[in-house]
Amino acid sequence: MRRLTKPRFLVRSTIRPDGARRWHILERSGPIALPYGFPFSRQFNNWPEVLHAANYLALNNDPYLKGKALP
């Protein structure tokens, strides 16, 4: 089902050159829209969705939001 509202939050995962994973949670403010489909990211409408996704990924080691280390 499509959402009728613009997502408020973007959750993104990156891997630093030293192999450490970093999670970024960004909030949309004003008329600036976050890029949809940005590599290794998902958008959410509220904090409970953001926290649920982050906890699910952490507990299940789900690769859905995980990026790939640069060679």
PDB file of N, CA and C in Angstrom:
ATOM      1  N   MET A   1       0.828  -1.180   0.000  1.00  0.00           N
ATOM      2  CA  MET A   1       0.000   0.000   0.000  1.00  0.00           C
ATOM      3  C   MET A   1       0.875   1.248   0.000  1.00  0.00           C
ATOM      4  N   ARG A   2       0.597   2.184  -0.868  1.00  0.00           N
ATOM      5  CA  ARG A   2       1.381   3.408  -0.950  1.00  0.00           C
ATOM      6  C   ARG A   2       1.015   4.359   0.170  1.00  0.00           C
ATOM      7  N   ARG A   3       2.005   5.049   0.637  1.00  0.00           N
ATOM      8  CA  ARG A   3       1.762   6.040   1.676  1.00  0.00           C
ATOM      9  C   ARG A   3       1.444   7.368   1.024  1.00  0.00           C
ATOM     10  N   LEU A   4       0.527   8.088   1.640  1.00  0.00           N
ATOM     11  CA  LEU A   4       0.109   9.365   1.070  1.00  0.00           C
ATOM     12  C   LEU A   4       0.912  10.532   1.619  1.00  0.00           C
ATOM     13  N   THR A   5       1.714  10.300   2.631  1.00  0.00           N
ATOM     14  CA  THR A   5       2.521  11.373   3.203  1.00  0.00           C
ATOM     15  C   THR A   5       3.980  11.174   2.820  1.00  0.00           C
ATOM     16  N   LYS A   6       4.730  12.269   2.834  1.00  0.00           N
ATOM     17  CA  LYS A   6       6.158  12.169   2.540  1.00  0.00           C
ATOM     18  C   LYS A   6       6.884  11.604   3.759  1.00  0.00           C
ATOM     19  N   PRO A   7       7.817  10.699   3.552  1.00  0.00           N
ATOM     20  CA  PRO A   7       8.570  10.160   4.685  1.00  0.00           C
ATOM     21  C   PRO A   7       9.332  11.264   5.408  1.00  0.00           C
ATOM     22  N   ARG A   8       9.398  11.154   6.726  1.00  0.00           N
ATOM     23  CA  ARG A   8      10.087  12.160   7.529  1.00  0.00           C
ATOM     24  C   ARG A   8      11.519  11.772   7.842  1.00  0.00           C
ATOM     25  N   PHE A   9      11.826  10.488   7.851  1.00  0.00           N
ATOM     26  CA  PHE A   9      13.145  10.037   8.283  1.00  0.00           C
ATOM     27  C   PHE A   9      13.805   9.156   7.227  1.00  0.00           C
ATOM     28  N   LEU A  10      15.114   9.263   7.133  1.00  0.00           N
ATOM     29  CA  LEU A  10      15.902   8.405   6.252  1.00  0.00           C
ATOM     30  C   LEU A  10      16.891   7.647   7.129  1.00  0.00           C
ATOM     31  N   VAL A  11      16.925   6.342   7.007  1.00  0.00           N
ATOM     32  CA  VAL A  11      17.888   5.518   7.738  1.00  0.00           C
ATOM     33  C   VAL A  11      18.885   4.970   6.726  1.00  0.00           C
ATOM     34  N   ARG A  12      20.171   5.193   6.984  1.00  0.00           N
ATOM     35  CA  ARG A  12      21.190   4.776   6.027  1.00  0.00           C
ATOM     36  C   ARG A  12      22.346   4.108   6.759  1.00  0.00           C
ATOM     37  N   SER A  13      22.924   3.122   6.132  1.00  0.00           N
ATOM     38  CA  SER A  13      24.062   2.403   6.692  1.00  0.00           C
ATOM     39  C   SER A  13      25.279   2.614   5.799  1.00  0.00           C
ATOM     40  N   THR A  14      26.422   2.890   6.420  1.00  0.00           N
ATOM     41  CA  THR A  14      27.665   3.014   5.657  1.00  0.00           C
ATOM     42  C   THR A  14      28.763   2.224   6.368  1.00  0.00           C
ATOM     43  N   ILE A  15      29.777   1.843   5.624  1.00  0.00           N
ATOM     44  CA  ILE A  15      30.926   1.146   6.201  1.00  0.00           C
ATOM     45  C   ILE A  15      32.161   2.017   5.988  1.00  0.00           C
ATOM     46  N   ARG A  16      32.850   2.316   7.077  1.00  0.00           N
ATOM     47  CA  ARG A  16      34.065   3.117   6.985  1.00  0.00           C
ATOM     48  C   ARG A  16      35.200   2.259   6.448  1.00  0.00           C
ATOM     49  N   PRO A  17      36.281   2.904   5.972  1.00  0.00           N
ATOM     50  CA  PRO A  17      37.412   2.133   5.442  1.00  0.00           C
ATOM     51  C   PRO A  17      38.004   1.147   6.449  1.00  0.00           C
ATOM     52  N   ASP A  18      37.872   1.446   7.754  1.00  0.00           N
ATOM     53  CA  ASP A  18      38.414   0.522   8.754  1.00  0.00           C
ATOM     54  C   ASP A  18      37.466  -0.636   9.044  1.00  0.00           C
ATOM     55  N   GLY A  19      36.329  -0.697   8.344  1.00  0.00           N
ATOM     56  CA  GLY A  19      35.397  -1.803   8.490  1.00  0.00           C
ATOM     57  C   GLY A  19      34.282  -1.561   9.493  1.00  0.00           C
ATOM     58  N   ALA A  20      34.324  -0.425  10.196  1.00  0.00           N
ATOM     59  CA  ALA A  20      33.284  -0.127  11.185  1.00  0.00           C
ATOM     60  C   ALA A  20      32.006   0.322  10.477  1.00  0.00           C
ATOM     61  N   ARG A  21      30.870  -0.184  10.963  1.00  0.00           N
ATOM     62  CA  ARG A  21      29.581   0.204  10.378  1.00  0.00           C
ATOM     63  C   ARG A  21      29.028   1.412  11.106  1.00  0.00           C
ATOM     64  N   ARG A  22      28.486   2.348  10.346  1.00  0.00           N
ATOM     65  CA  ARG A  22      27.876   3.539  10.913  1.00  0.00           C
ATOM     66  C   ARG A  22      26.444   3.633  10.421  1.00  0.00           C
ATOM     67  N   TRP A  23      25.523   3.923  11.345  1.00  0.00           N
ATOM     68  CA  TRP A  23      24.117   4.111  10.996  1.00  0.00           C
ATOM     69  C   TRP A  23      23.804   5.585  11.078  1.00  0.00           C
ATOM     70  N   HIS A  24      23.082   6.096  10.094  1.00  0.00           N
ATOM     71  CA  HIS A  24      22.715   7.506  10.050  1.00  0.00           C
ATOM     72  C   HIS A  24      21.200   7.608   9.988  1.00  0.00           C
ATOM     73  N   ILE A  25      20.629   8.397  10.885  1.00  0.00           N
ATOM     74  CA  ILE A  25      19.192   8.664  10.861  1.00  0.00           C
ATOM     75  C   ILE A  25      19.034  10.158  10.629  1.00  0.00           C
ATOM     76  N   LEU A  26      18.456  10.515   9.494  1.00  0.00           N
ATOM     77  CA  LEU A  26      18.283  11.915   9.117  1.00  0.00           C
ATOM     78  C   LEU A  26      16.807  12.265   9.123  1.00  0.00           C
ATOM     79  N   GLU A  27      16.500  13.498   9.544  1.00  0.00           N
ATOM     80  CA  GLU A  27      15.113  13.944   9.546  1.00  0.00           C
ATOM     81  C   GLU A  27      14.942  15.012   8.476  1.00  0.00           C
ATOM     82  N   ARG A  28      13.877  14.873   7.691  1.00  0.00           N
ATOM     83  CA  ARG A  28      13.584  15.863   6.654  1.00  0.00           C
ATOM     84  C   ARG A  28      13.057  17.110   7.340  1.00  0.00           C
ATOM     85  N   SER A  29      13.582  18.265   6.942  1.00  0.00           N
ATOM     86  CA  SER A  29      13.086  19.520   7.498  1.00  0.00           C
ATOM     87  C   SER A  29      12.839  20.493   6.361  1.00  0.00           C
ATOM     88  N   GLY A  30      11.698  21.149   6.406  1.00  0.00           N
ATOM     89  CA  GLY A  30      11.359  22.122   5.372  1.00  0.00           C
ATOM     90  C   GLY A  30      11.013  21.457   4.059  1.00  0.00           C
ATOM     91  N   PRO A  31      11.184  22.184   2.970  1.00  0.00           N
ATOM     92  CA  PRO A  31      10.784  21.667   1.647  1.00  0.00           C
ATOM     93  C   PRO A  31      11.777  20.698   1.020  1.00  0.00           C
ATOM     94  N   ILE A  32      12.910  20.465   1.668  1.00  0.00           N
ATOM     95  CA  ILE A  32      13.929  19.582   1.097  1.00  0.00           C
ATOM     96  C   ILE A  32      13.497  18.133   1.278  1.00  0.00           C
ATOM     97  N   ALA A  33      13.400  17.423   0.187  1.00  0.00           N
ATOM     98  CA  ALA A  33      12.991  16.017   0.239  1.00  0.00           C
ATOM     99  C   ALA A  33      14.227  15.127   0.225  1.00  0.00           C
ATOM    100  N   LEU A  34      14.186  14.074   0.993  1.00  0.00           N
ATOM    101  CA  LEU A  34      15.291  13.119   0.999  1.00  0.00           C
ATOM    102  C   LEU A  34      15.225  12.238  -0.241  1.00  0.00           C
ATOM    103  N   PRO A  35      16.360  11.840  -0.777  1.00  0.00           N
ATOM    104  CA  PRO A  35      16.354  11.005  -1.981  1.00  0.00           C
ATOM    105  C   PRO A  35      15.769   9.630  -1.709  1.00  0.00           C
ATOM    106  N   TYR A  36      14.791   9.241  -2.476  1.00  0.00           N
ATOM    107  CA  TYR A  36      14.178   7.921  -2.309  1.00  0.00           C
ATOM    108  C   TYR A  36      15.012   6.894  -3.055  1.00  0.00           C
ATOM    109  N   GLY A  37      15.269   5.773  -2.448  1.00  0.00           N
ATOM    110  CA  GLY A  37      16.051   4.736  -3.109  1.00  0.00           C
ATOM    111  C   GLY A  37      17.544   4.962  -3.036  1.00  0.00           C
ATOM    112  N   PHE A  38      17.988   5.850  -2.156  1.00  0.00           N
ATOM    113  CA  PHE A  38      19.420   6.078  -1.986  1.00  0.00           C
ATOM    114  C   PHE A  38      20.064   4.749  -1.598  1.00  0.00           C
ATOM    115  N   PRO A  39      21.247   4.462  -2.104  1.00  0.00           N
ATOM    116  CA  PRO A  39      21.851   3.156  -1.811  1.00  0.00           C
ATOM    117  C   PRO A  39      21.887   2.845  -0.319  1.00  0.00           C
ATOM    118  N   PHE A  40      21.413   1.645   0.010  1.00  0.00           N
ATOM    119  CA  PHE A  40      21.442   1.131   1.373  1.00  0.00           C
ATOM    120  C   PHE A  40      20.656   2.014   2.330  1.00  0.00           C
ATOM    121  N   SER A  41      19.486   2.462   1.923  1.00  0.00           N
ATOM    122  CA  SER A  41      18.690   3.321   2.790  1.00  0.00           C
ATOM    123  C   SER A  41      17.215   2.984   2.686  1.00  0.00           C
ATOM    124  N   ARG A  42      16.470   3.386   3.681  1.00  0.00           N
ATOM    125  CA  ARG A  42      15.013   3.286   3.658  1.00  0.00           C
ATOM    126  C   ARG A  42      14.449   4.526   4.311  1.00  0.00           C
ATOM    127  N   GLN A  43      13.217   4.867   3.965  1.00  0.00           N
ATOM    128  CA  GLN A  43      12.582   6.041   4.537  1.00  0.00           C
ATOM    129  C   GLN A  43      11.396   5.628   5.392  1.00  0.00           C
ATOM    130  N   PHE A  44      11.168   6.388   6.456  1.00  0.00           N
ATOM    131  CA  PHE A  44      10.093   6.086   7.393  1.00  0.00           C
ATOM    132  C   PHE A  44       9.340   7.360   7.744  1.00  0.00           C
ATOM    133  N   ASN A  45       8.117   7.202   8.225  1.00  0.00           N
ATOM    134  CA  ASN A  45       7.284   8.350   8.570  1.00  0.00           C
ATOM    135  C   ASN A  45       7.359   8.752  10.034  1.00  0.00           C
ATOM    136  N   ASN A  46       7.787   7.869  10.914  1.00  0.00           N
ATOM    137  CA  ASN A  46       7.805   8.227  12.333  1.00  0.00           C
ATOM    138  C   ASN A  46       8.902   7.464  13.069  1.00  0.00           C
ATOM    139  N   TRP A  47       9.203   7.939  14.293  1.00  0.00           N
ATOM    140  CA  TRP A  47      10.282   7.343  15.077  1.00  0.00           C
ATOM    141  C   TRP A  47      10.050   5.880  15.412  1.00  0.00           C
ATOM    142  N   PRO A  48       8.832   5.469  15.779  1.00  0.00           N
ATOM    143  CA  PRO A  48       8.659   4.039  16.072  1.00  0.00           C
ATOM    144  C   PRO A  48       9.053   3.137  14.905  1.00  0.00           C
ATOM    145  N   GLU A  49       8.747   3.543  13.680  1.00  0.00           N
ATOM    146  CA  GLU A  49       9.145   2.745  12.511  1.00  0.00           C
ATOM    147  C   GLU A  49      10.664   2.709  12.377  1.00  0.00           C
ATOM    148  N   VAL A  50      11.313   3.858  12.601  1.00  0.00           N
ATOM    149  CA  VAL A  50      12.772   3.935  12.503  1.00  0.00           C
ATOM    150  C   VAL A  50      13.419   3.004  13.527  1.00  0.00           C
ATOM    151  N   LEU A  51      12.984   3.114  14.774  1.00  0.00           N
ATOM    152  CA  LEU A  51      13.585   2.305  15.835  1.00  0.00           C
ATOM    153  C   LEU A  51      13.297   0.821  15.650  1.00  0.00           C
ATOM    154  N   HIS A  52      12.101   0.496  15.208  1.00  0.00           N
ATOM    155  CA  HIS A  52      11.763  -0.908  14.969  1.00  0.00           C
ATOM    156  C   HIS A  52      12.677  -1.496  13.893  1.00  0.00           C
ATOM    157  N   ALA A  53      12.873  -0.766  12.800  1.00  0.00           N
ATOM    158  CA  ALA A  53      13.726  -1.261  11.716  1.00  0.00           C
ATOM    159  C   ALA A  53      15.170  -1.421  12.184  1.00  0.00           C
ATOM    160  N   ALA A  54      15.691  -0.420  12.905  1.00  0.00           N
ATOM    161  CA  ALA A  54      17.074  -0.492  13.375  1.00  0.00           C
ATOM    162  C   ALA A  54      17.260  -1.657  14.340  1.00  0.00           C
ATOM    163  N   ASN A  55      16.307  -1.851  15.252  1.00  0.00           N
ATOM    164  CA  ASN A  55      16.399  -2.963  16.200  1.00  0.00           C
ATOM    165  C   ASN A  55      16.289  -4.304  15.489  1.00  0.00           C
ATOM    166  N   TYR A  56      15.389  -4.406  14.536  1.00  0.00           N
ATOM    167  CA  TYR A  56      15.223  -5.651  13.784  1.00  0.00           C
ATOM    168  C   TYR A  56      16.521  -6.010  13.063  1.00  0.00           C
ATOM    169  N   LEU A  57      17.120  -5.013  12.405  1.00  0.00           N
ATOM    170  CA  LEU A  57      18.347  -5.264  11.661  1.00  0.00           C
ATOM    171  C   LEU A  57      19.482  -5.656  12.596  1.00  0.00           C
ATOM    172  N   ALA A  58      19.556  -5.001  13.756  1.00  0.00           N
ATOM    173  CA  ALA A  58      20.628  -5.308  14.701  1.00  0.00           C
ATOM    174  C   ALA A  58      20.464  -6.716  15.270  1.00  0.00           C
ATOM    175  N   LEU A  59      19.236  -7.088  15.612  1.00  0.00           N
ATOM    176  CA  LEU A  59      18.998  -8.391  16.229  1.00  0.00           C
ATOM    177  C   LEU A  59      19.120  -9.547  15.246  1.00  0.00           C
ATOM    178  N   ASN A  60      18.728  -9.319  14.008  1.00  0.00           N
ATOM    179  CA  ASN A  60      18.691 -10.403  13.028  1.00  0.00           C
ATOM    180  C   ASN A  60      19.842 -10.378  12.033  1.00  0.00           C
ATOM    181  N   ASN A  61      20.738  -9.382  12.173  1.00  0.00           N
ATOM    182  CA  ASN A  61      21.862  -9.250  11.247  1.00  0.00           C
ATOM    183  C   ASN A  61      21.368  -9.249   9.804  1.00  0.00           C
ATOM    184  N   ASP A  62      20.266  -8.577   9.579  1.00  0.00           N
ATOM    185  CA  ASP A  62      19.634  -8.516   8.262  1.00  0.00           C
ATOM    186  C   ASP A  62      20.433  -7.600   7.334  1.00  0.00           C
ATOM    187  N   PRO A  63      20.795  -8.057   6.151  1.00  0.00           N
ATOM    188  CA  PRO A  63      21.610  -7.235   5.244  1.00  0.00           C
ATOM    189  C   PRO A  63      20.821  -6.187   4.470  1.00  0.00           C
ATOM    190  N   TYR A  64      19.529  -6.016   4.770  1.00  0.00           N
ATOM    191  CA  TYR A  64      18.692  -5.130   3.948  1.00  0.00           C
ATOM    192  C   TYR A  64      19.252  -3.718   3.846  1.00  0.00           C
ATOM    193  N   LEU A  65      19.704  -3.142   4.957  1.00  0.00           N
ATOM    194  CA  LEU A  65      20.234  -1.774   4.924  1.00  0.00           C
ATOM    195  C   LEU A  65      21.755  -1.740   4.959  1.00  0.00           C
ATOM    196  N   LYS A  66      22.393  -2.890   4.856  1.00  0.00           N
ATOM    197  CA  LYS A  66      23.842  -2.905   4.987  1.00  0.00           C
ATOM    198  C   LYS A  66      24.516  -2.630   3.650  1.00  0.00           C
ATOM    199  N   GLY A  67      25.480  -1.720   3.695  1.00  0.00           N
ATOM    200  CA  GLY A  67      26.240  -1.406   2.493  1.00  0.00           C
ATOM    201  C   GLY A  67      27.375  -2.391   2.302  1.00  0.00           C
ATOM    202  N   LYS A  68      28.099  -2.230   1.242  1.00  0.00           N
ATOM    203  CA  LYS A  68      29.242  -3.093   0.975  1.00  0.00           C
ATOM    204  C   LYS A  68      30.516  -2.297   1.219  1.00  0.00           C
ATOM    205  N   ALA A  69      31.499  -2.934   1.792  1.00  0.00           N
ATOM    206  CA  ALA A  69      32.780  -2.280   2.032  1.00  0.00           C
ATOM    207  C   ALA A  69      33.447  -1.977   0.698  1.00  0.00           C
ATOM    208  N   LEU A  70      34.078  -0.820   0.645  1.00  0.00           N
ATOM    209  CA  LEU A  70      34.785  -0.446  -0.581  1.00  0.00           C
ATOM    210  C   LEU A  70      36.062  -1.264  -0.706  1.00  0.00           C
ATOM    211  N   PRO A  71      36.412  -1.678  -1.929  1.00  0.00           N
ATOM    212  CA  PRO A  71      37.638  -2.480  -2.101  1.00  0.00           C
ATOM    213  C   PRO A  71      38.888  -1.670  -1.831  1.00  0.00           C
TER     214      PRO A  71
END
